[in-house]
Amino acid sequence: MKLLKLKLKILELLIKILGLQIEVLKLKEKKSANREETIEEMIRRIAKEEKVDPDLAVRVALCESNLDPKAWSPVPNRGVDRGLYQINSYWNPEVSDAQALDPEFSTRFFCEAVKNGHLSWWNPSRHCWER
């Protein structure tokens, strides 16, 4: 009888342990689902959606801004280069500062330009991103 009670206690403890392990797994899943997307992950996701080479999109952004969506580089007599892809305010006046500094907008801008045959807009950094 004592052995049976002991076995039941052990089973109860094992069930509690399993329940705790399940809760830990649920928390880990929730944490990974809630984690923010990195800039690189966002670029890759958008490039895939836009059917542009994700590696190219990341390489250009790395070379242009080091993946810094707030990158800001004044160009003497030619406005300012802004955001991940350094969208120039002089050559692209239709793009506001807020848009250029928005990582999703600037990535879609880059993808659209590439699809329309304008990868050459990023020729000044070609030595860095072309492999």
Protein backbone atom coordinates (compact mmCIF):
# COMPACT_ATOMS: atom_id res chain seq x y z
CA MET A 1 0.00 0.00 0.00
CA LYS A 2 2.83 2.42 0.90
CA LEU A 3 4.58 1.58 -2.37
CA LEU A 4 1.43 2.37 -4.33
CA LYS A 5 1.04 5.75 -2.56
CA LEU A 6 4.70 6.53 -3.27
CA LYS A 7 4.23 5.67 -6.96
CA LEU A 8 1.15 7.90 -7.12
CA LYS A 9 3.08 10.79 -5.55
CA ILE A 10 5.89 10.30 -8.08
CA LEU A 11 3.34 10.30 -10.93
CA GLU A 12 1.78 13.50 -9.58
CA LEU A 13 5.19 15.16 -9.43
CA LEU A 14 6.01 14.02 -12.98
CA ILE A 15 2.72 15.44 -14.23
CA LYS A 16 3.50 18.77 -12.54
CA ILE A 17 6.98 18.78 -14.07
CA LEU A 18 5.57 18.04 -17.52
CA GLY A 19 2.99 20.79 -17.06
CA LEU A 20 5.74 23.27 -16.17
CA GLN A 21 7.79 22.19 -19.16
CA ILE A 22 4.80 22.73 -21.44
CA GLU A 23 4.28 26.21 -19.96
CA VAL A 24 7.96 27.03 -20.54
CA LEU A 25 7.66 25.91 -24.17
CA LYS A 26 4.55 28.05 -24.63
CA LEU A 27 6.37 31.07 -23.20
CA LYS A 28 9.32 30.48 -25.53
CA GLU A 29 7.00 30.24 -28.55
CA LYS A 30 5.18 33.40 -27.50
CA LYS A 31 8.46 35.26 -26.99
CA SER A 32 9.78 34.27 -30.43
CA ALA A 33 6.46 35.17 -32.06
CA ASN A 34 6.46 38.58 -30.38
CA ARG A 35 10.09 39.41 -31.08
CA GLU A 36 10.60 42.35 -33.35
CA GLU A 37 11.75 41.74 -36.87
CA THR A 38 15.30 42.94 -37.48
CA ILE A 39 16.03 45.42 -40.27
CA GLU A 40 17.72 42.68 -42.29
CA GLU A 41 14.77 40.32 -41.83
CA MET A 42 12.38 43.10 -42.91
CA ILE A 43 14.46 43.83 -46.03
CA ARG A 44 14.55 40.13 -46.94
CA ARG A 45 10.79 39.75 -46.39
CA ILE A 46 9.92 42.78 -48.52
CA ALA A 47 12.41 41.89 -51.26
CA LYS A 48 10.87 38.41 -51.50
CA GLU A 49 7.37 39.94 -51.66
CA GLU A 50 8.55 42.30 -54.39
CA LYS A 51 10.40 39.52 -56.24
CA VAL A 52 13.80 41.20 -55.89
CA ASP A 53 16.95 39.33 -54.86
CA PRO A 54 16.94 39.58 -51.04
CA ASP A 55 20.73 39.23 -50.84
CA LEU A 56 21.17 42.15 -53.21
CA ALA A 57 18.70 44.28 -51.24
CA VAL A 58 20.56 43.58 -47.99
CA ARG A 59 24.01 44.13 -49.52
CA VAL A 60 23.02 47.50 -50.98
CA ALA A 61 21.48 48.65 -47.68
CA LEU A 62 24.58 47.49 -45.81
CA CYS A 63 26.83 49.45 -48.13
CA GLU A 64 24.63 52.54 -48.25
CA SER A 65 23.70 52.91 -44.58
CA ASN A 66 25.10 49.97 -42.60
CA LEU A 67 21.42 48.98 -42.16
CA ASP A 68 20.71 52.23 -40.30
CA PRO A 69 17.21 53.43 -41.27
CA LYS A 70 17.99 56.89 -39.84
CA ALA A 71 21.22 57.38 -41.83
CA TRP A 72 21.49 61.01 -42.99
CA SER A 73 24.26 62.26 -45.29
CA PRO A 74 24.25 65.82 -46.69
CA VAL A 75 25.50 66.09 -50.28
CA PRO A 76 26.93 69.54 -51.17
CA ASN A 77 24.63 71.29 -53.68
CA ARG A 78 22.61 68.07 -54.13
CA GLY A 79 20.34 67.75 -51.08
CA VAL A 80 20.71 64.96 -48.59
CA ASP A 81 20.92 61.16 -48.81
CA ARG A 82 18.43 59.62 -46.39
CA GLY A 83 17.59 56.25 -44.87
CA LEU A 84 18.55 52.65 -45.56
CA TYR A 85 19.07 53.20 -49.28
CA GLN A 86 20.24 56.82 -49.01
CA ILE A 87 17.38 58.17 -51.12
CA ASN A 88 18.57 61.59 -52.28
CA SER A 89 16.25 64.56 -51.69
CA TYR A 90 17.51 66.47 -54.75
CA TRP A 91 16.98 63.65 -57.24
CA ASN A 92 13.86 62.27 -55.53
CA PRO A 93 11.94 65.31 -54.25
CA GLU A 94 8.70 63.33 -54.30
CA VAL A 95 10.03 61.25 -51.38
CA SER A 96 9.56 63.04 -48.06
CA ASP A 97 12.10 62.78 -45.25
CA ALA A 98 9.61 60.71 -43.26
CA GLN A 99 9.21 58.28 -46.16
CA ALA A 100 12.95 58.04 -46.84
CA LEU A 101 13.60 57.32 -43.16
CA ASP A 102 10.86 54.70 -42.99
CA PRO A 103 12.62 51.34 -43.46
CA GLU A 104 9.63 49.65 -45.08
CA PHE A 105 8.97 52.52 -47.50
CA SER A 106 12.64 52.85 -48.47
CA THR A 107 12.97 49.09 -49.04
CA ARG A 108 9.91 49.08 -51.28
CA PHE A 109 11.28 52.18 -53.07
CA PHE A 110 14.54 50.31 -53.70
CA CYS A 111 12.74 47.19 -54.93
CA GLU A 112 10.53 49.19 -57.28
CA ALA A 113 13.57 51.03 -58.67
CA VAL A 114 15.40 47.73 -59.26
CA LYS A 115 12.36 46.20 -60.98
CA ASN A 116 12.19 49.28 -63.23
CA GLY A 117 15.83 48.89 -64.25
CA HIS A 118 17.29 51.60 -61.99
CA LEU A 119 19.82 49.63 -59.96
CA SER A 120 22.35 52.07 -61.43
CA TRP A 121 21.02 54.69 -58.99
CA TRP A 122 23.21 52.90 -56.46
CA ASN A 123 26.30 52.73 -58.70
CA PRO A 124 28.40 54.96 -56.41
CA SER A 125 28.46 52.09 -53.87
CA ARG A 126 28.54 49.29 -56.46
CA HIS A 127 32.15 48.44 -55.57
CA CYS A 128 30.88 47.52 -52.11
CA TRP A 129 27.71 45.52 -52.85
CA GLU A 130 28.50 43.85 -56.19
CA ARG A 131 30.05 40.42 -55.79
